[in-house]
Amino acid sequence: MKADALIRRRIVVATDAFVELVVWRLSAPLPPSTHRFKYRLAYVVRGACVVLYDNERGKGDHRHFAGREAPYRFASPERLIADFDADRERWDRENRRP
C-alpha cells in the first residue's frame, strides 16, 4: 500500500514533554477506517505517552486519554489535530502543567 507523508513533526513543548504528529495519505483505506489517512499523534510527558490519537488495521480510529481508550470519529486531518490539541490542553490543565 502506497503512503505519502503529509506531516512528520516533533515539537518540544517543555524540557520534559514533546508532541509528535505523523499523518500519511494512503492509496486505500486501512480497515476498518473508511478514510485514506494513517496517523499517530502523541503527547509524551516525562517519558509517558499521556494523550494518543491513532488508527491501526483491525482497530480503527481511536484515542487514548487519562488511561482510557475510546473510539474516535475521524473527519479530516485538520479536525484531528484540533481535537488532539484540545485534549492535550485539557490534560495539561487537569495535571496542573504550565
C-alpha atoms as a PDB file:
ATOM      1  CA  MET A   1       0.000   0.000   0.000  1.00  0.00           C
ATOM      2  CA  LYS A   2       1.480   3.338  -1.081  1.00  0.00           C
ATOM      3  CA  ALA A   3       1.688   6.083   1.564  1.00  0.00           C
ATOM      4  CA  ASP A   4       2.619   9.753   1.237  1.00  0.00           C
ATOM      5  CA  ALA A   5       3.808  11.546   4.356  1.00  0.00           C
ATOM      6  CA  LEU A   6       1.735  14.703   4.932  1.00  0.00           C
ATOM      7  CA  ILE A   7       3.025  15.623   8.384  1.00  0.00           C
ATOM      8  CA  ARG A   8       6.019  14.306  10.290  1.00  0.00           C
ATOM      9  CA  ARG A   9       6.938  16.641  13.116  1.00  0.00           C
ATOM     10  CA  ARG A  10       8.230  16.549  16.679  1.00  0.00           C
ATOM     11  CA  ILE A  11       7.649  19.671  18.758  1.00  0.00           C
ATOM     12  CA  VAL A  12       9.362  20.151  22.110  1.00  0.00           C
ATOM     13  CA  VAL A  13       6.836  21.886  24.375  1.00  0.00           C
ATOM     14  CA  ALA A  14       8.804  21.715  27.648  1.00  0.00           C
ATOM     15  CA  THR A  15      12.071  20.280  28.910  1.00  0.00           C
ATOM     16  CA  ASP A  16      10.188  17.105  29.847  1.00  0.00           C
ATOM     17  CA  ALA A  17       7.494  16.985  27.144  1.00  0.00           C
ATOM     18  CA  PHE A  18       7.055  16.800  23.383  1.00  0.00           C
ATOM     19  CA  VAL A  19       4.338  16.334  20.772  1.00  0.00           C
ATOM     20  CA  GLU A  20       4.796  14.030  17.807  1.00  0.00           C
ATOM     21  CA  LEU A  21       2.497  14.414  14.791  1.00  0.00           C
ATOM     22  CA  VAL A  22       2.602  11.846  11.983  1.00  0.00           C
ATOM     23  CA  VAL A  23      -0.028  11.708   9.224  1.00  0.00           C
ATOM     24  CA  TRP A  24       0.145   9.760   5.954  1.00  0.00           C
ATOM     25  CA  ARG A  25      -2.238   9.719   2.987  1.00  0.00           C
ATOM     26  CA  LEU A  26      -2.810   6.143   1.838  1.00  0.00           C
ATOM     27  CA  SER A  27      -3.781   4.818  -1.575  1.00  0.00           C
ATOM     28  CA  ALA A  28      -6.716   2.975   0.060  1.00  0.00           C
ATOM     29  CA  PRO A  29      -8.399   2.980   3.492  1.00  0.00           C
ATOM     30  CA  LEU A  30      -6.858   0.941   6.301  1.00  0.00           C
ATOM     31  CA  PRO A  31      -9.737  -1.281   7.522  1.00  0.00           C
ATOM     32  CA  PRO A  32     -11.921  -0.728   9.430  1.00  0.00           C
ATOM     33  CA  SER A  33     -11.355   3.000   8.760  1.00  0.00           C
ATOM     34  CA  THR A  34     -13.161   4.339   5.696  1.00  0.00           C
ATOM     35  CA  HIS A  35     -10.827   7.308   5.036  1.00  0.00           C
ATOM     36  CA  ARG A  36      -7.407   7.229   3.365  1.00  0.00           C
ATOM     37  CA  PHE A  37      -5.301   8.507   6.268  1.00  0.00           C
ATOM     38  CA  LYS A  38      -2.997   6.743   8.709  1.00  0.00           C
ATOM     39  CA  TYR A  39      -1.988   8.766  11.747  1.00  0.00           C
ATOM     40  CA  ARG A  40      -0.316   8.860  15.137  1.00  0.00           C
ATOM     41  CA  LEU A  41      -0.492  11.976  17.298  1.00  0.00           C
ATOM     42  CA  ALA A  42       1.195  11.625  20.673  1.00  0.00           C
ATOM     43  CA  TYR A  43       1.809  13.847  23.671  1.00  0.00           C
ATOM     44  CA  VAL A  44       4.668  12.498  25.779  1.00  0.00           C
ATOM     45  CA  VAL A  45       5.415  13.843  29.264  1.00  0.00           C
ATOM     46  CA  ARG A  46       8.291  12.562  31.391  1.00  0.00           C
ATOM     47  CA  GLY A  47       8.678   9.589  29.047  1.00  0.00           C
ATOM     48  CA  ALA A  48       5.000   8.514  29.247  1.00  0.00           C
ATOM     49  CA  CYS A  49       2.517   8.900  26.409  1.00  0.00           C
ATOM     50  CA  VAL A  50      -0.399  10.702  28.099  1.00  0.00           C
ATOM     51  CA  VAL A  51      -2.542  11.530  25.034  1.00  0.00           C
ATOM     52  CA  LEU A  52      -2.545   9.449  21.851  1.00  0.00           C
ATOM     53  CA  TYR A  53      -4.717   9.505  18.740  1.00  0.00           C
ATOM     54  CA  ASP A  54      -4.072   6.740  16.236  1.00  0.00           C
ATOM     55  CA  ASN A  55      -5.594   4.243  13.868  1.00  0.00           C
ATOM     56  CA  GLU A  56      -4.420   0.773  13.053  1.00  0.00           C
ATOM     57  CA  ARG A  57      -5.560  -2.158  10.963  1.00  0.00           C
ATOM     58  CA  GLY A  58      -8.312  -4.069  12.711  1.00  0.00           C
ATOM     59  CA  LYS A  59      -8.789  -1.462  15.426  1.00  0.00           C
ATOM     60  CA  GLY A  60      -9.670   1.691  13.502  1.00  0.00           C
ATOM     61  CA  ASP A  61      -9.736   5.268  14.711  1.00  0.00           C
ATOM     62  CA  HIS A  62      -9.380   5.719  18.470  1.00  0.00           C
ATOM     63  CA  ARG A  63      -7.870   7.922  21.159  1.00  0.00           C
ATOM     64  CA  HIS A  64      -6.150   7.303  24.486  1.00  0.00           C
ATOM     65  CA  PHE A  65      -6.720   9.825  27.276  1.00  0.00           C
ATOM     66  CA  ALA A  66      -6.446   9.526  31.067  1.00  0.00           C
ATOM     67  CA  GLY A  67      -5.646   5.827  30.826  1.00  0.00           C
ATOM     68  CA  ARG A  68      -8.739   5.053  28.758  1.00  0.00           C
ATOM     69  CA  GLU A  69      -9.144   4.111  25.123  1.00  0.00           C
ATOM     70  CA  ALA A  70     -12.233   5.291  23.223  1.00  0.00           C
ATOM     71  CA  PRO A  71     -13.377   5.312  19.595  1.00  0.00           C
ATOM     72  CA  TYR A  72     -12.661   8.491  17.644  1.00  0.00           C
ATOM     73  CA  ARG A  73     -14.749   9.798  14.733  1.00  0.00           C
ATOM     74  CA  PHE A  74     -12.270  10.973  12.091  1.00  0.00           C
ATOM     75  CA  ALA A  75     -13.493  13.896   9.944  1.00  0.00           C
ATOM     76  CA  SER A  76     -10.302  15.418   8.450  1.00  0.00           C
ATOM     77  CA  PRO A  77      -6.605  15.837   9.271  1.00  0.00           C
ATOM     78  CA  GLU A  78      -7.294  19.428  10.369  1.00  0.00           C
ATOM     79  CA  ARG A  79     -10.101  18.368  12.753  1.00  0.00           C
ATOM     80  CA  LEU A  80      -7.893  15.530  14.049  1.00  0.00           C
ATOM     81  CA  ILE A  81      -5.128  17.960  15.006  1.00  0.00           C
ATOM     82  CA  ALA A  82      -7.617  20.401  16.586  1.00  0.00           C
ATOM     83  CA  ASP A  83      -9.198  17.605  18.672  1.00  0.00           C
ATOM     84  CA  PHE A  84      -5.775  16.323  19.725  1.00  0.00           C
ATOM     85  CA  ASP A  85      -4.640  19.831  20.720  1.00  0.00           C
ATOM     86  CA  ALA A  86      -7.812  20.302  22.796  1.00  0.00           C
ATOM     87  CA  ASP A  87      -7.164  17.027  24.649  1.00  0.00           C
ATOM     88  CA  ARG A  88      -3.509  17.942  25.168  1.00  0.00           C
ATOM     89  CA  GLU A  89      -4.501  21.302  26.666  1.00  0.00           C
ATOM     90  CA  ARG A  90      -7.124  19.571  28.821  1.00  0.00           C
ATOM     91  CA  TRP A  91      -4.516  17.083  30.080  1.00  0.00           C
ATOM     92  CA  ASP A  92      -2.199  19.977  30.977  1.00  0.00           C
ATOM     93  CA  ARG A  93      -4.998  21.783  32.893  1.00  0.00           C
ATOM     94  CA  GLU A  94      -6.083  18.652  34.747  1.00  0.00           C
ATOM     95  CA  ASN A  95      -2.483  17.841  35.666  1.00  0.00           C
ATOM     96  CA  ARG A  96      -1.566  21.423  36.550  1.00  0.00           C
ATOM     97  CA  ARG A  97       1.096  21.825  33.911  1.00  0.00           C
ATOM     98  CA  PRO A  98       2.073  25.379  32.979  1.00  0.00           C
END
